[in-house]
Amino acid sequence: MRARDKGSPAYDRNFLLLGPKRNRVLTLDDVERYGVESYGDAHYVSIYGLRPDAWFAKGVRLLGRTAVECTRDRLADAIGRDVAAAAHSAPRHDRALVIDPFTGSGNTLYWILRHMPGARGIGFELDDAVFRLTAGNVAALELPIEIVQAEYTAGLRRIRASDGQMLISFIAPPWGTALDVAAGLDLRRTVPPIIDVVDALVDAFPQHSMLCAVQVYERVVPESLRGVESRFAWTRRCLYELNAAGQNHGILLGTRGWVPRDTSAATSRE
């Protein structure tokens, strides 16, 4: 990886997400520079259990926006563990179906399935370029994930779940301008808003037990958080302090149709 040239732009979130690299396939140098210049770690964008140099060598490729918005391994692993722990506390059910309505890189789906052996995973991705790359990445690594090119509401209508099957969803639509580092993440301004996604899941599977994991930031606009929590019978926030410089992420776990046996540090609504 070469040193940063004097006068060259900083490889930060805005440069890759909103700047000229947004829709470009990144080189390995791009990926590592983003990690170093933003987080002091050339291996920051580790996905599918692989460091950037390893996944790049296997043919995995990412767009600039996907490198920013993907859930890297350390975070996705932590999310997968907490989702699996909550699901383990659910009433007996058939093999779980794990849905990622905005699959992006598919890395969180990969880690949830890794912690839930036997579960089936399906991800929806509407964007042509992201879908092509992610489908190619999944094929190159021979991952047990089904990637479907579809808008999420249309994709949900195509799913057939058995009567006793629990549905698990990882909800992380693009944040876009919904994140203000000072004010926090406004869950009403994601694209689409989080409540719309939860409502679509409930409309598609009104009789099924459900566990949702909504990706959040260390600071969330309170009004937007309360709105999402109102959709669930039980909620718990998990924050993962993986970044010494701050900017930590987490999840809001929420259930419908059941409440986990261990309700410590959680909010329950009957």
C-alpha atoms as a PDB file:
ATOM      1  CA  MET A   1       0.000   0.000   0.000  1.00  0.00           C
ATOM      2  CA  ARG A   2       1.460   3.308  -1.051  1.00  0.00           C
ATOM      3  CA  ALA A   3       1.735   6.345   1.198  1.00  0.00           C
ATOM      4  CA  ARG A   4      -0.856   9.058   0.770  1.00  0.00           C
ATOM      5  CA  ASP A   5       0.200  11.674  -1.778  1.00  0.00           C
ATOM      6  CA  LYS A   6       0.285  15.272  -0.606  1.00  0.00           C
ATOM      7  CA  GLY A   7      -2.927  16.926  -1.732  1.00  0.00           C
ATOM      8  CA  SER A   8      -4.771  13.671  -2.457  1.00  0.00           C
ATOM      9  CA  PRO A   9      -8.228  13.272  -0.904  1.00  0.00           C
ATOM     10  CA  ALA A  10      -8.612  11.484   2.414  1.00  0.00           C
ATOM     11  CA  TYR A  11     -10.027   7.984   2.077  1.00  0.00           C
ATOM     12  CA  ASP A  12     -12.839   8.567   4.549  1.00  0.00           C
ATOM     13  CA  ARG A  13     -16.530   7.653   4.729  1.00  0.00           C
ATOM     14  CA  ASN A  14     -17.692  10.554   2.551  1.00  0.00           C
ATOM     15  CA  PHE A  15     -15.070   9.946  -0.149  1.00  0.00           C
ATOM     16  CA  LEU A  16     -16.084   6.311  -0.654  1.00  0.00           C
ATOM     17  CA  LEU A  17     -19.795   6.633   0.101  1.00  0.00           C
ATOM     18  CA  LEU A  18     -20.672   9.930  -1.555  1.00  0.00           C
ATOM     19  CA  GLY A  19     -17.617  10.823  -3.651  1.00  0.00           C
ATOM     20  CA  PRO A  20     -16.021   9.568  -6.879  1.00  0.00           C
ATOM     21  CA  LYS A  21     -15.351   6.056  -5.520  1.00  0.00           C
ATOM     22  CA  ARG A  22     -19.028   5.452  -4.667  1.00  0.00           C
ATOM     23  CA  ASN A  23     -19.871   3.266  -7.683  1.00  0.00           C
ATOM     24  CA  ARG A  24     -16.369   2.092  -8.560  1.00  0.00           C
ATOM     25  CA  VAL A  25     -14.968  -1.340  -7.862  1.00  0.00           C
ATOM     26  CA  LEU A  26     -12.207  -0.762  -5.342  1.00  0.00           C
ATOM     27  CA  THR A  27      -8.640  -1.965  -5.719  1.00  0.00           C
ATOM     28  CA  LEU A  28      -6.919  -3.630  -2.796  1.00  0.00           C
ATOM     29  CA  ASP A  29      -4.973  -0.416  -2.316  1.00  0.00           C
ATOM     30  CA  ASP A  30      -8.248   1.534  -2.077  1.00  0.00           C
ATOM     31  CA  VAL A  31      -9.626  -0.842   0.557  1.00  0.00           C
ATOM     32  CA  GLU A  32      -6.490  -0.778   2.685  1.00  0.00           C
ATOM     33  CA  ARG A  33      -6.074   2.997   2.400  1.00  0.00           C
ATOM     34  CA  TYR A  34      -9.642   3.481   3.610  1.00  0.00           C
ATOM     35  CA  GLY A  35      -8.898   1.273   6.607  1.00  0.00           C
ATOM     36  CA  VAL A  36      -5.644   3.025   7.440  1.00  0.00           C
ATOM     37  CA  GLU A  37      -6.727   6.617   6.885  1.00  0.00           C
ATOM     38  CA  SER A  38     -10.100   6.256   8.601  1.00  0.00           C
ATOM     39  CA  TYR A  39      -9.390   3.703  11.338  1.00  0.00           C
ATOM     40  CA  GLY A  40      -5.626   3.144  11.459  1.00  0.00           C
ATOM     41  CA  ASP A  41      -6.062  -0.465  10.319  1.00  0.00           C
ATOM     42  CA  ALA A  42      -5.352  -1.767   6.817  1.00  0.00           C
ATOM     43  CA  HIS A  43      -7.426  -4.870   7.656  1.00  0.00           C
ATOM     44  CA  TYR A  44     -10.480  -2.908   8.785  1.00  0.00           C
ATOM     45  CA  VAL A  45     -12.699  -4.133   5.922  1.00  0.00           C
ATOM     46  CA  SER A  46     -12.366  -7.813   6.785  1.00  0.00           C
ATOM     47  CA  ILE A  47     -15.385  -9.776   5.558  1.00  0.00           C
ATOM     48  CA  TYR A  48     -16.424 -13.429   5.183  1.00  0.00           C
ATOM     49  CA  GLY A  49     -13.816 -14.277   7.810  1.00  0.00           C
ATOM     50  CA  LEU A  50     -10.991 -12.978   5.580  1.00  0.00           C
ATOM     51  CA  ARG A  51      -8.607 -10.012   5.621  1.00  0.00           C
ATOM     52  CA  PRO A  52      -8.771  -7.682   2.600  1.00  0.00           C
ATOM     53  CA  ASP A  53      -5.693  -9.184   0.937  1.00  0.00           C
ATOM     54  CA  ALA A  54      -7.129 -12.701   1.366  1.00  0.00           C
ATOM     55  CA  TRP A  55     -10.639 -11.977   0.110  1.00  0.00           C
ATOM     56  CA  PHE A  56      -9.292  -9.896  -2.771  1.00  0.00           C
ATOM     57  CA  ALA A  57      -7.043 -12.802  -3.809  1.00  0.00           C
ATOM     58  CA  LYS A  58     -10.075 -15.099  -3.909  1.00  0.00           C
ATOM     59  CA  GLY A  59     -11.879 -12.810  -6.350  1.00  0.00           C
ATOM     60  CA  VAL A  60     -14.118 -10.902  -3.926  1.00  0.00           C
ATOM     61  CA  ARG A  61     -14.792  -7.313  -5.018  1.00  0.00           C
ATOM     62  CA  LEU A  62     -16.606  -4.357  -3.419  1.00  0.00           C
ATOM     63  CA  LEU A  63     -17.876  -0.986  -4.559  1.00  0.00           C
ATOM     64  CA  GLY A  64     -16.809   2.072  -2.603  1.00  0.00           C
ATOM     65  CA  ARG A  65     -20.229   2.464  -0.998  1.00  0.00           C
ATOM     66  CA  THR A  66     -20.365  -1.213  -0.074  1.00  0.00           C
ATOM     67  CA  ALA A  67     -16.971  -1.041   1.628  1.00  0.00           C
ATOM     68  CA  VAL A  68     -18.327   1.744   3.844  1.00  0.00           C
ATOM     69  CA  GLU A  69     -21.769   0.275   4.494  1.00  0.00           C
ATOM     70  CA  CYS A  70     -20.827  -3.387   4.884  1.00  0.00           C
ATOM     71  CA  THR A  71     -20.707  -4.876   8.366  1.00  0.00           C
ATOM     72  CA  ARG A  72     -17.106  -5.983   8.844  1.00  0.00           C
ATOM     73  CA  ASP A  73     -16.219  -9.296  10.483  1.00  0.00           C
ATOM     74  CA  ARG A  74     -15.678  -8.179  14.085  1.00  0.00           C
ATOM     75  CA  LEU A  75     -19.057  -6.459  14.168  1.00  0.00           C
ATOM     76  CA  ALA A  76     -20.922  -9.069  12.114  1.00  0.00           C
ATOM     77  CA  ASP A  77     -19.562 -11.863  14.310  1.00  0.00           C
ATOM     78  CA  ALA A  78     -20.785 -10.057  17.446  1.00  0.00           C
ATOM     79  CA  ILE A  79     -24.198  -9.465  15.874  1.00  0.00           C
ATOM     80  CA  GLY A  80     -24.442 -13.099  14.818  1.00  0.00           C
ATOM     81  CA  ARG A  81     -23.688 -14.277  18.360  1.00  0.00           C
ATOM     82  CA  ASP A  82     -26.358 -12.046  19.923  1.00  0.00           C
ATOM     83  CA  VAL A  83     -28.967 -12.942  17.316  1.00  0.00           C
ATOM     84  CA  ALA A  84     -28.298 -16.647  17.810  1.00  0.00           C
ATOM     85  CA  ALA A  85     -28.449 -16.292  21.620  1.00  0.00           C
ATOM     86  CA  ALA A  86     -31.828 -14.542  21.430  1.00  0.00           C
ATOM     87  CA  ALA A  87     -33.172 -17.087  18.932  1.00  0.00           C
ATOM     88  CA  HIS A  88     -32.065 -19.938  21.189  1.00  0.00           C
ATOM     89  CA  SER A  89     -34.435 -18.571  23.837  1.00  0.00           C
ATOM     90  CA  ALA A  90     -37.452 -18.753  21.524  1.00  0.00           C
ATOM     91  CA  PRO A  91     -40.148 -21.428  21.823  1.00  0.00           C
ATOM     92  CA  ARG A  92     -39.483 -24.580  19.847  1.00  0.00           C
ATOM     93  CA  HIS A  93     -39.793 -23.971  16.138  1.00  0.00           C
ATOM     94  CA  ASP A  94     -38.900 -25.404  12.749  1.00  0.00           C
ATOM     95  CA  ARG A  95     -35.588 -24.554  11.124  1.00  0.00           C
ATOM     96  CA  ALA A  96     -35.268 -20.754  11.226  1.00  0.00           C
ATOM     97  CA  LEU A  97     -35.401 -18.635   8.104  1.00  0.00           C
ATOM     98  CA  VAL A  98     -32.955 -15.716   8.168  1.00  0.00           C
ATOM     99  CA  ILE A  99     -33.793 -12.802   5.873  1.00  0.00           C
ATOM    100  CA  ASP A 100     -31.634  -9.814   4.977  1.00  0.00           C
ATOM    101  CA  PRO A 101     -33.850  -7.375   3.028  1.00  0.00           C
ATOM    102  CA  PHE A 102     -30.866  -5.152   2.087  1.00  0.00           C
ATOM    103  CA  THR A 103     -28.105  -7.676   1.783  1.00  0.00           C
ATOM    104  CA  GLY A 104     -25.282  -5.493   0.418  1.00  0.00           C
ATOM    105  CA  SER A 105     -22.132  -7.580   0.879  1.00  0.00           C
ATOM    106  CA  GLY A 106     -24.104 -10.293   2.693  1.00  0.00           C
ATOM    107  CA  ASN A 107     -21.484 -10.435   5.440  1.00  0.00           C
ATOM    108  CA  THR A 108     -23.880 -10.130   8.385  1.00  0.00           C
ATOM    109  CA  LEU A 109     -26.104 -12.801   6.895  1.00  0.00           C
ATOM    110  CA  TYR A 110     -23.022 -14.983   6.547  1.00  0.00           C
ATOM    111  CA  TRP A 111     -22.118 -14.561  10.237  1.00  0.00           C
ATOM    112  CA  ILE A 112     -25.671 -15.062  11.536  1.00  0.00           C
ATOM    113  CA  LEU A 113     -25.884 -18.340   9.621  1.00  0.00           C
ATOM    114  CA  ARG A 114     -22.460 -19.319  10.885  1.00  0.00           C
ATOM    115  CA  HIS A 115     -23.803 -19.040  14.456  1.00  0.00           C
ATOM    116  CA  MET A 116     -27.079 -20.782  13.579  1.00  0.00           C
ATOM    117  CA  PRO A 117     -26.229 -24.117  11.933  1.00  0.00           C
ATOM    118  CA  GLY A 118     -29.140 -25.509   9.971  1.00  0.00           C
ATOM    119  CA  ALA A 119     -30.871 -22.162   9.389  1.00  0.00           C
ATOM    120  CA  ARG A 120     -31.698 -21.102   5.846  1.00  0.00           C
ATOM    121  CA  GLY A 121     -30.494 -17.670   4.679  1.00  0.00           C
ATOM    122  CA  ILE A 122     -31.817 -15.474   1.903  1.00  0.00           C
ATOM    123  CA  GLY A 123     -30.809 -11.927   1.016  1.00  0.00           C
ATOM    124  CA  PHE A 124     -32.418  -9.382  -1.289  1.00  0.00           C
ATOM    125  CA  GLU A 125     -30.454  -6.779  -3.227  1.00  0.00           C
ATOM    126  CA  LEU A 126     -32.095  -4.489  -5.766  1.00  0.00           C
ATOM    127  CA  ASP A 127     -29.067  -2.557  -7.037  1.00  0.00           C
ATOM    128  CA  ASP A 128     -27.677  -4.120 -10.231  1.00  0.00           C
ATOM    129  CA  ALA A 129     -23.993  -3.479  -9.502  1.00  0.00           C
ATOM    130  CA  VAL A 130     -24.121  -4.540  -5.853  1.00  0.00           C
ATOM    131  CA  PHE A 131     -26.145  -7.640  -6.707  1.00  0.00           C
ATOM    132  CA  ARG A 132     -23.696  -8.736  -9.408  1.00  0.00           C
ATOM    133  CA  LEU A 133     -20.686  -8.307  -7.138  1.00  0.00           C
ATOM    134  CA  THR A 134     -22.271  -9.940  -4.093  1.00  0.00           C
ATOM    135  CA  ALA A 135     -23.620 -12.872  -6.083  1.00  0.00           C
ATOM    136  CA  GLY A 136     -20.168 -13.309  -7.567  1.00  0.00           C
ATOM    137  CA  ASN A 137     -18.513 -13.080  -4.163  1.00  0.00           C
ATOM    138  CA  VAL A 138     -20.867 -15.664  -2.657  1.00  0.00           C
ATOM    139  CA  ALA A 139     -20.234 -17.992  -5.607  1.00  0.00           C
ATOM    140  CA  ALA A 140     -16.451 -17.486  -5.467  1.00  0.00           C
ATOM    141  CA  LEU A 141     -16.384 -18.429  -1.782  1.00  0.00           C
ATOM    142  CA  GLU A 142     -19.072 -21.123  -2.143  1.00  0.00           C
ATOM    143  CA  LEU A 143     -21.110 -19.662   0.706  1.00  0.00           C
ATOM    144  CA  PRO A 144     -24.479 -21.256   1.630  1.00  0.00           C
ATOM    145  CA  ILE A 145     -26.444 -18.046   1.027  1.00  0.00           C
ATOM    146  CA  GLU A 146     -29.200 -17.397  -1.496  1.00  0.00           C
ATOM    147  CA  ILE A 147     -28.922 -13.922  -3.038  1.00  0.00           C
ATOM    148  CA  VAL A 148     -31.960 -12.697  -4.967  1.00  0.00           C
ATOM    149  CA  GLN A 149     -32.176  -9.528  -7.028  1.00  0.00           C
ATOM    150  CA  ALA A 150     -35.418  -7.984  -5.855  1.00  0.00           C
ATOM    151  CA  GLU A 151     -36.878  -4.971  -4.092  1.00  0.00           C
ATOM    152  CA  TYR A 152     -37.413  -6.124  -0.530  1.00  0.00           C
ATOM    153  CA  THR A 153     -41.230  -5.918  -0.392  1.00  0.00           C
ATOM    154  CA  ALA A 154     -41.509  -7.869  -3.649  1.00  0.00           C
ATOM    155  CA  GLY A 155     -38.952 -10.356  -2.370  1.00  0.00           C
ATOM    156  CA  LEU A 156     -40.836 -10.908   0.877  1.00  0.00           C
ATOM    157  CA  ARG A 157     -44.000 -11.750  -1.057  1.00  0.00           C
ATOM    158  CA  ARG A 158     -42.116 -14.545  -2.823  1.00  0.00           C
ATOM    159  CA  ILE A 159     -41.025 -16.296   0.367  1.00  0.00           C
ATOM    160  CA  ARG A 160     -42.981 -19.303   1.600  1.00  0.00           C
ATOM    161  CA  ALA A 161     -42.456 -20.087   5.269  1.00  0.00           C
ATOM    162  CA  SER A 162     -43.864 -23.112   7.073  1.00  0.00           C
ATOM    163  CA  ASP A 163     -46.392 -22.548   9.841  1.00  0.00           C
ATOM    164  CA  GLY A 164     -43.928 -23.367  12.625  1.00  0.00           C
ATOM    165  CA  GLN A 165     -40.948 -21.520  11.170  1.00  0.00           C
ATOM    166  CA  MET A 166     -39.461 -18.568  13.057  1.00  0.00           C
ATOM    167  CA  LEU A 167     -38.369 -15.630  10.945  1.00  0.00           C
ATOM    168  CA  ILE A 168     -35.172 -13.772  11.762  1.00  0.00           C
ATOM    169  CA  SER A 169     -34.366 -10.573   9.910  1.00  0.00           C
ATOM    170  CA  PHE A 170     -31.331  -8.330   9.880  1.00  0.00           C
ATOM    171  CA  ILE A 171     -32.572  -4.836   9.040  1.00  0.00           C
ATOM    172  CA  ALA A 172     -29.893  -2.471   7.806  1.00  0.00           C
ATOM    173  CA  PRO A 173     -31.115  -0.322   4.905  1.00  0.00           C
ATOM    174  CA  PRO A 174     -28.700   2.304   3.590  1.00  0.00           C
ATOM    175  CA  TRP A 175     -28.165   5.065   6.135  1.00  0.00           C
ATOM    176  CA  GLY A 176     -27.308   7.721   3.566  1.00  0.00           C
ATOM    177  CA  THR A 177     -27.708  11.050   5.362  1.00  0.00           C
ATOM    178  CA  ALA A 178     -29.585   9.513   8.321  1.00  0.00           C
ATOM    179  CA  LEU A 179     -26.375   9.455  10.362  1.00  0.00           C
ATOM    180  CA  ASP A 180     -25.146  12.660  11.942  1.00  0.00           C
ATOM    181  CA  VAL A 181     -22.090  11.856  14.045  1.00  0.00           C
ATOM    182  CA  ALA A 182     -23.035  14.502  16.635  1.00  0.00           C
ATOM    183  CA  ALA A 183     -26.818  14.026  16.757  1.00  0.00           C
ATOM    184  CA  GLY A 184     -26.801  10.296  16.107  1.00  0.00           C
ATOM    185  CA  LEU A 185     -28.674   7.973  13.759  1.00  0.00           C
ATOM    186  CA  ASP A 186     -32.224   8.922  12.846  1.00  0.00           C
ATOM    187  CA  LEU A 187     -34.060   5.671  12.128  1.00  0.00           C
ATOM    188  CA  ARG A 188     -36.791   7.653  10.366  1.00  0.00           C
ATOM    189  CA  ARG A 189     -34.361   8.817   7.680  1.00  0.00           C
ATOM    190  CA  THR A 190     -32.805   5.547   6.551  1.00  0.00           C
ATOM    191  CA  VAL A 191     -33.762   4.524   3.010  1.00  0.00           C
ATOM    192  CA  PRO A 192     -36.427   3.222   3.545  1.00  0.00           C
ATOM    193  CA  PRO A 193     -37.297   4.143   7.159  1.00  0.00           C
ATOM    194  CA  ILE A 194     -36.865   1.254   9.606  1.00  0.00           C
ATOM    195  CA  ILE A 195     -40.527   1.258  10.635  1.00  0.00           C
ATOM    196  CA  ASP A 196     -41.560   0.709   7.023  1.00  0.00           C
ATOM    197  CA  VAL A 197     -39.339  -2.379   6.828  1.00  0.00           C
ATOM    198  CA  VAL A 198     -40.686  -3.847  10.077  1.00  0.00           C
ATOM    199  CA  ASP A 199     -44.259  -3.216   8.932  1.00  0.00           C
ATOM    200  CA  ALA A 200     -43.554  -4.926   5.603  1.00  0.00           C
ATOM    201  CA  LEU A 201     -42.219  -7.994   7.412  1.00  0.00           C
ATOM    202  CA  VAL A 202     -45.298  -8.127   9.652  1.00  0.00           C
ATOM    203  CA  ASP A 203     -47.628  -7.718   6.665  1.00  0.00           C
ATOM    204  CA  ALA A 204     -45.867 -10.555   4.831  1.00  0.00           C
ATOM    205  CA  PHE A 205     -45.795 -12.929   7.821  1.00  0.00           C
ATOM    206  CA  PRO A 206     -48.546 -11.863  10.252  1.00  0.00           C
ATOM    207  CA  GLN A 207     -48.826 -15.255  11.979  1.00  0.00           C
ATOM    208  CA  HIS A 208     -45.154 -16.045  12.415  1.00  0.00           C
ATOM    209  CA  SER A 209     -42.915 -15.570  15.433  1.00  0.00           C
ATOM    210  CA  MET A 210     -40.313 -12.981  14.536  1.00  0.00           C
ATOM    211  CA  LEU A 211     -36.905 -11.798  15.720  1.00  0.00           C
ATOM    212  CA  CYS A 212     -35.545  -8.616  14.167  1.00  0.00           C
ATOM    213  CA  ALA A 213     -32.053  -7.185  14.530  1.00  0.00           C
ATOM    214  CA  VAL A 214     -31.894  -3.533  13.489  1.00  0.00           C
ATOM    215  CA  GLN A 215     -28.415  -2.122  13.005  1.00  0.00           C
ATOM    216  CA  VAL A 216     -27.960   1.084  15.015  1.00  0.00           C
ATOM    217  CA  TYR A 217     -25.243   3.554  15.963  1.00  0.00           C
ATOM    218  CA  GLU A 218     -23.886   4.340  19.420  1.00  0.00           C
ATOM    219  CA  ARG A 219     -26.090   7.440  19.416  1.00  0.00           C
ATOM    220  CA  VAL A 220     -29.647   7.189  18.109  1.00  0.00           C
ATOM    221  CA  VAL A 221     -32.168  10.014  17.858  1.00  0.00           C
ATOM    222  CA  PRO A 222     -34.496   9.138  20.778  1.00  0.00           C
ATOM    223  CA  GLU A 223     -37.802   9.821  19.027  1.00  0.00           C
ATOM    224  CA  SER A 224     -36.852   7.575  16.134  1.00  0.00           C
ATOM    225  CA  LEU A 225     -35.784   4.792  18.505  1.00  0.00           C
ATOM    226  CA  ARG A 226     -39.052   4.902  20.443  1.00  0.00           C
ATOM    227  CA  GLY A 227     -41.010   4.647  17.225  1.00  0.00           C
ATOM    228  CA  VAL A 228     -39.222   1.453  16.210  1.00  0.00           C
ATOM    229  CA  GLU A 229     -39.391  -0.081  19.693  1.00  0.00           C
ATOM    230  CA  SER A 230     -43.171   0.382  19.706  1.00  0.00           C
ATOM    231  CA  ARG A 231     -43.443  -2.228  16.945  1.00  0.00           C
ATOM    232  CA  PHE A 232     -42.106  -5.016  19.180  1.00  0.00           C
ATOM    233  CA  ALA A 233     -43.208  -6.990  22.247  1.00  0.00           C
ATOM    234  CA  TRP A 234     -39.645  -7.028  23.638  1.00  0.00           C
ATOM    235  CA  THR A 235     -36.504  -5.126  22.788  1.00  0.00           C
ATOM    236  CA  ARG A 236     -32.859  -5.003  23.788  1.00  0.00           C
ATOM    237  CA  ARG A 237     -30.050  -2.773  22.549  1.00  0.00           C
ATOM    238  CA  CYS A 238     -26.561  -4.216  22.184  1.00  0.00           C
ATOM    239  CA  LEU A 239     -23.618  -1.859  21.627  1.00  0.00           C
ATOM    240  CA  TYR A 240     -20.302  -3.195  20.379  1.00  0.00           C
ATOM    241  CA  GLU A 241     -17.386  -1.058  21.504  1.00  0.00           C
ATOM    242  CA  LEU A 242     -14.978  -2.212  18.822  1.00  0.00           C
ATOM    243  CA  ASN A 243     -13.630   1.156  17.727  1.00  0.00           C
ATOM    244  CA  ALA A 244     -11.360   2.986  20.163  1.00  0.00           C
ATOM    245  CA  ALA A 245     -11.987   6.230  18.294  1.00  0.00           C
ATOM    246  CA  GLY A 246     -15.736   6.003  18.880  1.00  0.00           C
ATOM    247  CA  GLN A 247     -18.220   5.581  16.039  1.00  0.00           C
ATOM    248  CA  ASN A 248     -19.361   2.273  17.489  1.00  0.00           C
ATOM    249  CA  HIS A 249     -22.303   0.356  16.122  1.00  0.00           C
ATOM    250  CA  GLY A 250     -24.847  -1.967  17.658  1.00  0.00           C
ATOM    251  CA  ILE A 251     -28.191  -3.617  17.130  1.00  0.00           C
ATOM    252  CA  LEU A 252     -31.689  -3.251  18.457  1.00  0.00           C
ATOM    253  CA  LEU A 253     -33.148  -6.714  18.965  1.00  0.00           C
ATOM    254  CA  GLY A 254     -36.932  -6.936  18.864  1.00  0.00           C
ATOM    255  CA  THR A 255     -39.422  -9.781  18.954  1.00  0.00           C
ATOM    256  CA  ARG A 256     -43.015 -10.243  17.869  1.00  0.00           C
ATOM    257  CA  GLY A 257     -45.174 -13.171  18.945  1.00  0.00           C
ATOM    258  CA  TRP A 258     -42.853 -14.199  21.782  1.00  0.00           C
ATOM    259  CA  VAL A 259     -40.602 -12.867  24.545  1.00  0.00           C
ATOM    260  CA  PRO A 260     -37.170 -14.358  25.375  1.00  0.00           C
ATOM    261  CA  ARG A 261     -36.863 -16.170  28.682  1.00  0.00           C
ATOM    262  CA  ASP A 262     -33.982 -13.922  29.731  1.00  0.00           C
ATOM    263  CA  THR A 263     -35.421 -10.403  29.716  1.00  0.00           C
ATOM    264  CA  SER A 264     -32.657  -8.694  31.716  1.00  0.00           C
ATOM    265  CA  ALA A 265     -31.565  -5.269  30.462  1.00  0.00           C
ATOM    266  CA  ALA A 266     -34.517  -5.243  28.104  1.00  0.00           C
ATOM    267  CA  THR A 267     -37.888  -3.596  27.562  1.00  0.00           C
ATOM    268  CA  SER A 268     -40.959  -5.818  27.405  1.00  0.00           C
ATOM    269  CA  ARG A 269     -44.419  -4.877  26.224  1.00  0.00           C
ATOM    270  CA  GLU A 270     -47.386  -7.143  26.699  1.00  0.00           C
END
